[in-house]
Amino acid sequence: MEGKTKRKEMNVYLFQPQYAVEIRDEPTYWIPYSAGCLWSYVTQFPEIANNFSLQDIIFRREPINDLVSRINEPTICGFSCYVWNEKYCLEVAKHIKAKWPACVIVFGGPNVSKRYLNYEFVDSIILAEGEQSFHALLMQIYNNQQITPIFEPVRLQELDFPSPYTQGIFDSIIEQH
């Protein structure tokens, strides 16, 4: 392998933050299923599995400064945006981009529209299902290509994807919480 340098592993953070739901006087959170589905889909491709590392799925709202201080050299931060977490996600993304300007910030989810590109800290948006578009975006990063600003809706025809449950994506979340 003389003359070849090993690529630096690229850090991925996925965000699907939510409010706690009180059950029996205990704060409880839903599993961040959308984020887990994205990650389990893209890791079936060797270029992604061997070069990108999921550092965390952020599923709880926490103070933004505390959250940003836990993040380590993000290559890409993906936000699954809903009406209940839009403002929080935008604020987190703004802080991340200010600290790591090279980090690719991508928004997807049911609340996302082309207006998100009006935020100077958002690099790309994914409209409709995100699995194939997120894979395409990661491949652009992997190949040092220009980032596509808008991934237009493409309806998925084949839904036989790996499950985040069987892939162990949620194991540490369940174990820790």
N, C-alpha and C. Protein backbone atom coordinates (compact mmCIF):
# COMPACT_ATOMS: atom_id res chain seq x y z
N MET A 1 0.82 -1.19 0.00
CA MET A 1 0.00 0.00 0.00
C MET A 1 0.86 1.25 0.00
N GLU A 2 2.05 1.14 -0.44
CA GLU A 2 2.94 2.28 -0.47
C GLU A 2 2.37 3.35 -1.39
N GLY A 3 2.44 4.60 -0.93
CA GLY A 3 1.95 5.72 -1.73
C GLY A 3 0.47 6.00 -1.51
N LYS A 4 -0.26 5.12 -0.85
CA LYS A 4 -1.68 5.34 -0.59
C LYS A 4 -1.85 5.77 0.85
N THR A 5 -2.60 6.83 1.04
CA THR A 5 -2.91 7.25 2.40
C THR A 5 -4.33 6.85 2.72
N LYS A 6 -4.53 6.42 3.95
CA LYS A 6 -5.86 6.04 4.38
C LYS A 6 -6.69 7.30 4.56
N ARG A 7 -7.90 7.26 4.04
CA ARG A 7 -8.81 8.38 4.22
C ARG A 7 -9.18 8.54 5.69
N LYS A 8 -9.36 9.77 6.08
CA LYS A 8 -9.85 10.04 7.42
C LYS A 8 -11.33 9.67 7.45
N GLU A 9 -11.74 8.95 8.49
CA GLU A 9 -13.14 8.59 8.63
C GLU A 9 -13.97 9.86 8.78
N MET A 10 -15.09 9.88 8.11
CA MET A 10 -15.94 11.07 8.10
C MET A 10 -17.06 10.91 9.12
N ASN A 11 -17.20 11.89 10.00
CA ASN A 11 -18.16 11.84 11.09
C ASN A 11 -19.54 12.32 10.66
N VAL A 12 -20.53 11.51 10.99
CA VAL A 12 -21.93 11.81 10.66
C VAL A 12 -22.71 11.97 11.96
N TYR A 13 -23.54 13.00 11.99
CA TYR A 13 -24.47 13.22 13.10
C TYR A 13 -25.85 13.36 12.49
N LEU A 14 -26.82 12.63 13.03
CA LEU A 14 -28.19 12.72 12.57
C LEU A 14 -29.05 13.27 13.70
N PHE A 15 -29.97 14.14 13.33
CA PHE A 15 -30.79 14.85 14.31
C PHE A 15 -32.27 14.59 14.03
N GLN A 16 -32.96 14.13 15.05
CA GLN A 16 -34.41 14.01 15.02
C GLN A 16 -34.90 14.34 16.43
N PRO A 17 -34.62 15.59 16.89
CA PRO A 17 -34.91 15.95 18.27
C PRO A 17 -36.41 16.12 18.52
N GLN A 18 -36.78 15.80 19.75
CA GLN A 18 -38.18 15.84 20.14
C GLN A 18 -38.31 16.28 21.58
N TYR A 19 -39.53 16.60 21.95
CA TYR A 19 -39.84 16.87 23.35
C TYR A 19 -40.04 15.54 24.08
N ALA A 20 -39.78 15.55 25.38
CA ALA A 20 -40.05 14.36 26.19
C ALA A 20 -41.56 14.21 26.36
N VAL A 21 -42.00 12.97 26.45
CA VAL A 21 -43.39 12.64 26.76
C VAL A 21 -43.38 12.02 28.15
N GLU A 22 -44.19 12.56 29.05
CA GLU A 22 -44.22 12.03 30.42
C GLU A 22 -45.07 10.77 30.47
N ILE A 23 -44.45 9.67 30.87
CA ILE A 23 -45.17 8.42 31.09
C ILE A 23 -44.81 7.95 32.50
N ARG A 24 -45.84 7.83 33.35
CA ARG A 24 -45.64 7.47 34.75
C ARG A 24 -44.60 8.38 35.42
N ASP A 25 -44.76 9.67 35.19
CA ASP A 25 -43.88 10.68 35.78
C ASP A 25 -42.42 10.57 35.37
N GLU A 26 -42.17 9.93 34.23
CA GLU A 26 -40.81 9.79 33.74
C GLU A 26 -40.72 10.31 32.31
N PRO A 27 -39.72 11.17 32.03
CA PRO A 27 -39.59 11.64 30.64
C PRO A 27 -39.22 10.49 29.71
N THR A 28 -39.95 10.38 28.64
CA THR A 28 -39.77 9.29 27.68
C THR A 28 -39.67 9.88 26.29
N TYR A 29 -38.91 9.21 25.43
CA TYR A 29 -38.71 9.68 24.06
C TYR A 29 -39.04 8.57 23.08
N TRP A 30 -39.51 8.97 21.91
CA TRP A 30 -39.76 8.01 20.84
C TRP A 30 -38.42 7.67 20.18
N ILE A 31 -38.32 6.46 19.67
CA ILE A 31 -37.13 6.06 18.91
C ILE A 31 -37.05 6.93 17.64
N PRO A 32 -35.89 7.47 17.31
CA PRO A 32 -35.75 8.31 16.10
C PRO A 32 -35.70 7.46 14.84
N TYR A 33 -36.86 6.92 14.50
CA TYR A 33 -36.96 5.91 13.45
C TYR A 33 -36.48 6.41 12.09
N SER A 34 -36.87 7.62 11.70
CA SER A 34 -36.47 8.13 10.37
C SER A 34 -34.95 8.20 10.24
N ALA A 35 -34.30 8.74 11.26
CA ALA A 35 -32.83 8.83 11.23
C ALA A 35 -32.21 7.44 11.19
N GLY A 36 -32.76 6.52 11.96
CA GLY A 36 -32.25 5.15 11.96
C GLY A 36 -32.40 4.46 10.61
N CYS A 37 -33.54 4.71 9.95
CA CYS A 37 -33.76 4.13 8.62
C CYS A 37 -32.75 4.65 7.61
N LEU A 38 -32.47 5.96 7.66
CA LEU A 38 -31.47 6.53 6.74
C LEU A 38 -30.13 5.83 6.92
N TRP A 39 -29.70 5.71 8.17
CA TRP A 39 -28.37 5.15 8.42
C TRP A 39 -28.30 3.67 8.07
N SER A 40 -29.33 2.91 8.40
CA SER A 40 -29.29 1.49 8.07
C SER A 40 -29.31 1.27 6.56
N TYR A 41 -29.98 2.17 5.82
CA TYR A 41 -29.99 2.05 4.36
C TYR A 41 -28.60 2.33 3.78
N VAL A 42 -27.99 3.45 4.17
CA VAL A 42 -26.73 3.85 3.52
C VAL A 42 -25.55 2.96 3.89
N THR A 43 -25.60 2.33 5.04
CA THR A 43 -24.46 1.50 5.45
C THR A 43 -24.42 0.15 4.75
N GLN A 44 -25.39 -0.14 3.91
CA GLN A 44 -25.29 -1.37 3.11
C GLN A 44 -24.33 -1.19 1.93
N PHE A 45 -23.87 0.04 1.70
CA PHE A 45 -22.94 0.33 0.62
C PHE A 45 -21.53 0.44 1.20
N PRO A 46 -20.58 -0.34 0.68
CA PRO A 46 -19.23 -0.38 1.27
C PRO A 46 -18.54 0.97 1.36
N GLU A 47 -18.69 1.84 0.37
CA GLU A 47 -18.02 3.15 0.43
C GLU A 47 -18.48 3.94 1.64
N ILE A 48 -19.74 3.78 1.99
CA ILE A 48 -20.28 4.49 3.15
C ILE A 48 -19.85 3.78 4.44
N ALA A 49 -20.10 2.48 4.50
CA ALA A 49 -19.79 1.71 5.71
C ALA A 49 -18.32 1.80 6.09
N ASN A 50 -17.43 1.87 5.11
CA ASN A 50 -16.00 1.88 5.38
C ASN A 50 -15.39 3.26 5.58
N ASN A 51 -16.14 4.32 5.29
CA ASN A 51 -15.55 5.65 5.34
C ASN A 51 -16.31 6.66 6.19
N PHE A 52 -17.54 6.36 6.53
CA PHE A 52 -18.35 7.26 7.33
C PHE A 52 -18.67 6.58 8.65
N SER A 53 -18.71 7.36 9.72
CA SER A 53 -19.00 6.81 11.03
C SER A 53 -20.12 7.62 11.69
N LEU A 54 -21.19 6.93 12.03
CA LEU A 54 -22.29 7.59 12.74
C LEU A 54 -21.84 7.82 14.18
N GLN A 55 -21.67 9.08 14.52
CA GLN A 55 -21.21 9.43 15.86
C GLN A 55 -22.36 9.48 16.86
N ASP A 56 -23.54 9.93 16.39
CA ASP A 56 -24.66 10.06 17.31
C ASP A 56 -25.94 10.32 16.52
N ILE A 57 -27.04 9.83 17.07
CA ILE A 57 -28.37 10.26 16.62
C ILE A 57 -28.92 11.09 17.76
N ILE A 58 -29.10 12.37 17.52
CA ILE A 58 -29.59 13.29 18.53
C ILE A 58 -31.11 13.22 18.49
N PHE A 59 -31.72 12.73 19.58
CA PHE A 59 -33.16 12.55 19.58
C PHE A 59 -33.84 13.31 20.73
N ARG A 60 -33.06 13.92 21.61
CA ARG A 60 -33.61 14.70 22.72
C ARG A 60 -33.22 16.16 22.54
N ARG A 61 -34.13 17.03 22.88
CA ARG A 61 -33.77 18.45 22.93
C ARG A 61 -32.89 18.65 24.15
N GLU A 62 -31.81 19.32 23.94
CA GLU A 62 -30.92 19.64 25.05
C GLU A 62 -30.35 21.02 24.77
N PRO A 63 -29.79 21.68 25.77
CA PRO A 63 -29.24 23.01 25.52
C PRO A 63 -28.26 22.98 24.34
N ILE A 64 -28.43 23.92 23.43
CA ILE A 64 -27.67 23.91 22.18
C ILE A 64 -26.17 23.98 22.42
N ASN A 65 -25.73 24.82 23.33
CA ASN A 65 -24.29 24.92 23.59
C ASN A 65 -23.73 23.60 24.13
N ASP A 66 -24.49 22.91 24.98
CA ASP A 66 -24.06 21.60 25.49
C ASP A 66 -23.97 20.59 24.35
N LEU A 67 -24.97 20.60 23.49
CA LEU A 67 -25.00 19.68 22.35
C LEU A 67 -23.82 19.91 21.42
N VAL A 68 -23.61 21.16 21.04
CA VAL A 68 -22.52 21.48 20.10
C VAL A 68 -21.16 21.15 20.72
N SER A 69 -21.02 21.28 22.02
CA SER A 69 -19.74 20.96 22.66
C SER A 69 -19.44 19.47 22.62
N ARG A 70 -20.46 18.63 22.46
CA ARG A 70 -20.25 17.17 22.38
C ARG A 70 -19.89 16.70 20.97
N ILE A 71 -20.13 17.53 19.99
CA ILE A 71 -19.90 17.15 18.60
C ILE A 71 -18.41 17.25 18.29
N ASN A 72 -17.91 16.29 17.50
CA ASN A 72 -16.49 16.25 17.18
C ASN A 72 -16.28 16.23 15.67
N GLU A 73 -15.73 17.29 15.13
CA GLU A 73 -15.36 17.38 13.72
C GLU A 73 -16.37 16.74 12.77
N PRO A 74 -17.57 17.29 12.71
CA PRO A 74 -18.59 16.69 11.83
C PRO A 74 -18.29 16.92 10.36
N THR A 75 -18.46 15.89 9.57
CA THR A 75 -18.37 16.01 8.11
C THR A 75 -19.73 16.38 7.55
N ILE A 76 -20.77 15.76 8.11
CA ILE A 76 -22.13 16.02 7.68
C ILE A 76 -23.06 15.91 8.87
N CYS A 77 -24.03 16.82 8.93
CA CYS A 77 -25.09 16.78 9.93
C CYS A 77 -26.41 16.78 9.18
N GLY A 78 -27.20 15.74 9.41
CA GLY A 78 -28.49 15.60 8.75
C GLY A 78 -29.62 15.82 9.74
N PHE A 79 -30.56 16.68 9.37
CA PHE A 79 -31.66 17.04 10.25
C PHE A 79 -32.98 16.55 9.67
N SER A 80 -33.70 15.76 10.47
CA SER A 80 -35.04 15.31 10.12
C SER A 80 -36.00 16.31 10.76
N CYS A 81 -36.61 17.12 9.92
CA CYS A 81 -37.31 18.30 10.40
C CYS A 81 -38.83 18.14 10.33
N TYR A 82 -39.45 18.43 11.47
CA TYR A 82 -40.90 18.40 11.63
C TYR A 82 -41.34 19.75 12.18
N VAL A 83 -42.63 20.01 12.19
CA VAL A 83 -43.13 21.28 12.66
C VAL A 83 -42.72 21.53 14.11
N TRP A 84 -42.63 20.49 14.94
CA TRP A 84 -42.32 20.65 16.35
C TRP A 84 -40.83 20.81 16.64
N ASN A 85 -39.97 20.58 15.66
CA ASN A 85 -38.54 20.74 15.95
C ASN A 85 -37.83 21.68 14.97
N GLU A 86 -38.57 22.33 14.11
CA GLU A 86 -37.97 23.17 13.06
C GLU A 86 -37.06 24.25 13.62
N LYS A 87 -37.56 25.08 14.51
CA LYS A 87 -36.76 26.21 15.04
C LYS A 87 -35.53 25.71 15.78
N TYR A 88 -35.70 24.64 16.56
CA TYR A 88 -34.58 24.08 17.29
C TYR A 88 -33.51 23.56 16.32
N CYS A 89 -33.93 22.79 15.32
CA CYS A 89 -32.98 22.24 14.34
C CYS A 89 -32.24 23.35 13.59
N LEU A 90 -32.96 24.38 13.20
CA LEU A 90 -32.31 25.50 12.50
C LEU A 90 -31.27 26.18 13.38
N GLU A 91 -31.60 26.34 14.65
CA GLU A 91 -30.65 26.99 15.56
C GLU A 91 -29.41 26.11 15.78
N VAL A 92 -29.62 24.81 15.95
CA VAL A 92 -28.49 23.88 16.11
C VAL A 92 -27.61 23.91 14.86
N ALA A 93 -28.24 23.84 13.70
CA ALA A 93 -27.49 23.85 12.43
C ALA A 93 -26.67 25.13 12.30
N LYS A 94 -27.26 26.24 12.67
CA LYS A 94 -26.54 27.53 12.59
C LYS A 94 -25.29 27.51 13.48
N HIS A 95 -25.41 26.97 14.68
CA HIS A 95 -24.27 26.89 15.59
C HIS A 95 -23.19 25.94 15.06
N ILE A 96 -23.62 24.82 14.50
CA ILE A 96 -22.65 23.85 13.97
C ILE A 96 -21.88 24.47 12.80
N LYS A 97 -22.60 25.13 11.89
CA LYS A 97 -21.95 25.72 10.71
C LYS A 97 -20.98 26.84 11.13
N ALA A 98 -21.33 27.58 12.18
CA ALA A 98 -20.44 28.65 12.66
C ALA A 98 -19.14 28.07 13.21
N LYS A 99 -19.24 26.91 13.87
CA LYS A 99 -18.05 26.30 14.47
C LYS A 99 -17.26 25.47 13.46
N TRP A 100 -17.96 24.79 12.52
CA TRP A 100 -17.32 23.95 11.51
C TRP A 100 -17.85 24.34 10.13
N PRO A 101 -17.33 25.39 9.52
CA PRO A 101 -17.88 25.87 8.25
C PRO A 101 -17.86 24.85 7.11
N ALA A 102 -16.95 23.89 7.16
CA ALA A 102 -16.88 22.88 6.09
C ALA A 102 -17.90 21.76 6.26
N CYS A 103 -18.55 21.67 7.40
CA CYS A 103 -19.54 20.63 7.64
C CYS A 103 -20.73 20.82 6.69
N VAL A 104 -21.14 19.75 6.06
CA VAL A 104 -22.31 19.80 5.17
C VAL A 104 -23.56 19.67 6.04
N ILE A 105 -24.44 20.64 5.90
CA ILE A 105 -25.70 20.66 6.64
C ILE A 105 -26.82 20.33 5.66
N VAL A 106 -27.56 19.26 5.95
CA VAL A 106 -28.65 18.84 5.08
C VAL A 106 -29.93 18.71 5.92
N PHE A 107 -31.02 19.19 5.34
CA PHE A 107 -32.33 19.09 5.97
C PHE A 107 -33.24 18.24 5.13
N GLY A 108 -34.01 17.38 5.79
CA GLY A 108 -35.04 16.58 5.15
C GLY A 108 -36.17 16.42 6.13
N GLY A 109 -37.21 15.76 5.70
CA GLY A 109 -38.35 15.53 6.57
C GLY A 109 -39.59 16.22 6.05
N PRO A 110 -40.73 15.95 6.66
CA PRO A 110 -42.00 16.43 6.14
C PRO A 110 -42.18 17.94 6.18
N ASN A 111 -41.41 18.64 6.97
CA ASN A 111 -41.57 20.09 7.07
C ASN A 111 -40.67 20.86 6.11
N VAL A 112 -39.79 20.17 5.41
CA VAL A 112 -38.76 20.84 4.60
C VAL A 112 -39.31 21.22 3.22
N SER A 113 -38.95 22.44 2.84
CA SER A 113 -39.29 22.94 1.50
C SER A 113 -38.07 23.69 0.96
N LYS A 114 -38.16 24.15 -0.26
CA LYS A 114 -37.04 24.86 -0.88
C LYS A 114 -36.67 26.13 -0.14
N ARG A 115 -37.55 26.66 0.67
CA ARG A 115 -37.25 27.89 1.42
C ARG A 115 -36.09 27.69 2.41
N TYR A 116 -35.80 26.44 2.77
CA TYR A 116 -34.70 26.18 3.69
C TYR A 116 -33.36 26.61 3.11
N LEU A 117 -33.26 26.66 1.80
CA LEU A 117 -32.01 27.10 1.18
C LEU A 117 -31.78 28.59 1.35
N ASN A 118 -32.77 29.31 1.86
CA ASN A 118 -32.59 30.73 2.18
C ASN A 118 -31.72 30.91 3.41
N TYR A 119 -31.56 29.87 4.19
CA TYR A 119 -30.66 29.94 5.35
C TYR A 119 -29.25 29.67 4.85
N GLU A 120 -28.35 30.61 5.11
CA GLU A 120 -26.99 30.51 4.56
C GLU A 120 -26.22 29.31 5.11
N PHE A 121 -26.65 28.74 6.20
CA PHE A 121 -25.95 27.60 6.80
C PHE A 121 -26.48 26.25 6.31
N VAL A 122 -27.52 26.23 5.49
CA VAL A 122 -28.05 24.98 4.94
C VAL A 122 -27.45 24.76 3.56
N ASP A 123 -26.79 23.62 3.38
CA ASP A 123 -26.12 23.32 2.11
C ASP A 123 -27.01 22.56 1.14
N SER A 124 -27.91 21.74 1.68
CA SER A 124 -28.69 20.86 0.81
C SER A 124 -30.00 20.51 1.50
N ILE A 125 -31.01 20.22 0.68
CA ILE A 125 -32.28 19.72 1.21
C ILE A 125 -32.68 18.47 0.44
N ILE A 126 -33.37 17.60 1.14
CA ILE A 126 -33.88 16.38 0.52
C ILE A 126 -35.40 16.43 0.64
N LEU A 127 -36.06 16.39 -0.50
CA LEU A 127 -37.52 16.40 -0.53
C LEU A 127 -38.01 14.98 -0.76
N ALA A 128 -39.03 14.56 -0.03
CA ALA A 128 -39.63 13.22 -0.08
C ALA A 128 -38.73 12.22 0.65
N GLU A 129 -38.85 10.94 0.30
CA GLU A 129 -38.08 9.91 1.00
C GLU A 129 -36.58 10.22 0.89
N GLY A 130 -35.87 9.97 1.98
CA GLY A 130 -34.49 10.40 2.01
C GLY A 130 -33.42 9.36 1.77
N GLU A 131 -33.77 8.08 1.79
CA GLU A 131 -32.74 7.05 1.77
C GLU A 131 -31.81 7.16 0.56
N GLN A 132 -32.36 7.13 -0.64
CA GLN A 132 -31.51 7.15 -1.84
C GLN A 132 -30.83 8.50 -2.03
N SER A 133 -31.51 9.58 -1.70
CA SER A 133 -30.91 10.91 -1.82
C SER A 133 -29.78 11.10 -0.81
N PHE A 134 -29.97 10.60 0.42
CA PHE A 134 -28.92 10.72 1.43
C PHE A 134 -27.70 9.91 1.00
N HIS A 135 -27.93 8.75 0.43
CA HIS A 135 -26.81 7.96 -0.11
C HIS A 135 -26.08 8.75 -1.20
N ALA A 136 -26.83 9.35 -2.12
CA ALA A 136 -26.21 10.14 -3.20
C ALA A 136 -25.40 11.31 -2.63
N LEU A 137 -25.92 11.95 -1.60
CA LEU A 137 -25.21 13.06 -0.97
C LEU A 137 -23.92 12.59 -0.31
N LEU A 138 -23.98 11.48 0.41
CA LEU A 138 -22.76 10.94 1.02
C LEU A 138 -21.73 10.55 -0.03
N MET A 139 -22.18 10.03 -1.16
CA MET A 139 -21.26 9.68 -2.24
C MET A 139 -20.62 10.94 -2.84
N GLN A 140 -21.37 12.03 -2.91
CA GLN A 140 -20.79 13.29 -3.38
C GLN A 140 -19.69 13.75 -2.42
N ILE A 141 -19.94 13.63 -1.13
CA ILE A 141 -18.92 14.00 -0.15
C ILE A 141 -17.71 13.07 -0.28
N TYR A 142 -17.97 11.78 -0.37
CA TYR A 142 -16.91 10.78 -0.49
C TYR A 142 -16.02 11.04 -1.71
N ASN A 143 -16.64 11.43 -2.82
CA ASN A 143 -15.92 11.67 -4.08
C ASN A 143 -15.47 13.12 -4.27
N ASN A 144 -15.59 13.93 -3.22
CA ASN A 144 -15.22 15.35 -3.29
C ASN A 144 -15.90 16.08 -4.44
N GLN A 145 -17.17 15.79 -4.64
CA GLN A 145 -17.94 16.43 -5.69
C GLN A 145 -18.74 17.59 -5.11
N GLN A 146 -19.21 18.43 -6.01
CA GLN A 146 -20.07 19.53 -5.60
C GLN A 146 -21.35 18.96 -4.99
N ILE A 147 -21.81 19.59 -3.93
CA ILE A 147 -23.01 19.14 -3.22
C ILE A 147 -24.25 19.63 -3.97
N THR A 148 -25.17 18.72 -4.22
CA THR A 148 -26.44 19.06 -4.85
C THR A 148 -27.29 19.83 -3.84
N PRO A 149 -27.75 21.02 -4.19
CA PRO A 149 -28.53 21.79 -3.22
C PRO A 149 -29.93 21.22 -2.96
N ILE A 150 -30.57 20.68 -4.00
CA ILE A 150 -31.93 20.17 -3.85
C ILE A 150 -32.01 18.76 -4.43
N PHE A 151 -32.35 17.81 -3.59
CA PHE A 151 -32.65 16.47 -4.06
C PHE A 151 -34.16 16.42 -4.24
N GLU A 152 -34.59 16.43 -5.49
CA GLU A 152 -36.02 16.46 -5.82
C GLU A 152 -36.69 15.16 -5.42
N PRO A 153 -38.01 15.21 -5.24
CA PRO A 153 -38.73 14.00 -4.84
C PRO A 153 -38.64 12.88 -5.88
N VAL A 154 -38.26 11.73 -5.41
CA VAL A 154 -38.27 10.51 -6.22
C VAL A 154 -38.98 9.47 -5.37
N ARG A 155 -40.12 9.01 -5.84
CA ARG A 155 -40.87 8.01 -5.07
C ARG A 155 -40.14 6.67 -5.14
N LEU A 156 -39.95 6.08 -3.98
CA LEU A 156 -39.28 4.80 -3.90
C LEU A 156 -40.20 3.70 -4.42
N GLN A 157 -39.65 2.83 -5.21
CA GLN A 157 -40.41 1.70 -5.73
C GLN A 157 -40.11 0.43 -4.95
N GLU A 158 -38.88 0.29 -4.50
CA GLU A 158 -38.44 -0.90 -3.76
C GLU A 158 -38.26 -0.51 -2.30
N LEU A 159 -38.96 -1.18 -1.41
CA LEU A 159 -38.89 -0.83 0.01
C LEU A 159 -38.24 -1.92 0.86
N ASP A 160 -37.52 -2.81 0.23
CA ASP A 160 -36.85 -3.88 0.96
C ASP A 160 -35.50 -3.37 1.45
N PHE A 161 -35.53 -2.54 2.50
CA PHE A 161 -34.33 -1.95 3.06
C PHE A 161 -33.95 -2.66 4.35
N PRO A 162 -32.68 -2.59 4.73
CA PRO A 162 -32.29 -3.13 6.03
C PRO A 162 -33.02 -2.38 7.15
N SER A 163 -33.35 -3.08 8.19
CA SER A 163 -34.06 -2.49 9.33
C SER A 163 -33.07 -1.90 10.33
N PRO A 164 -33.34 -0.71 10.85
CA PRO A 164 -32.46 -0.17 11.88
C PRO A 164 -32.48 -1.01 13.15
N TYR A 165 -33.56 -1.73 13.37
CA TYR A 165 -33.63 -2.59 14.56
C TYR A 165 -32.70 -3.79 14.42
N THR A 166 -32.75 -4.47 13.27
CA THR A 166 -31.89 -5.65 13.09
C THR A 166 -30.44 -5.27 12.86
N GLN A 167 -30.20 -4.04 12.42
CA GLN A 167 -28.83 -3.56 12.21
C GLN A 167 -28.19 -3.04 13.50
N GLY A 168 -28.98 -2.95 14.57
CA GLY A 168 -28.44 -2.50 15.86
C GLY A 168 -28.29 -1.00 15.99
N ILE A 169 -28.90 -0.24 15.11
CA ILE A 169 -28.75 1.22 15.13
C ILE A 169 -29.24 1.81 16.46
N PHE A 170 -30.30 1.25 17.02
CA PHE A 170 -30.90 1.81 18.23
C PHE A 170 -30.41 1.14 19.51
N ASP A 171 -29.54 0.17 19.41
CA ASP A 171 -29.13 -0.59 20.60
C ASP A 171 -28.58 0.31 21.71
N SER A 172 -27.67 1.22 21.37
CA SER A 172 -27.09 2.06 22.43
C SER A 172 -28.11 3.05 22.97
N ILE A 173 -29.01 3.53 22.13
CA ILE A 173 -30.05 4.45 22.60
C ILE A 173 -30.94 3.73 23.62
N ILE A 174 -31.35 2.53 23.28
CA ILE A 174 -32.22 1.75 24.18
C ILE A 174 -31.48 1.39 25.47
N GLU A 175 -30.24 0.99 25.33
CA GLU A 175 -29.45 0.61 26.49
C GLU A 175 -29.22 1.78 27.45
N GLN A 176 -28.94 2.94 26.89
CA GLN A 176 -28.62 4.11 27.72
C GLN A 176 -29.85 4.83 28.26
N HIS A 177 -30.99 4.63 27.61
CA HIS A 177 -32.17 5.41 28.00
C HIS A 177 -33.34 4.52 28.32
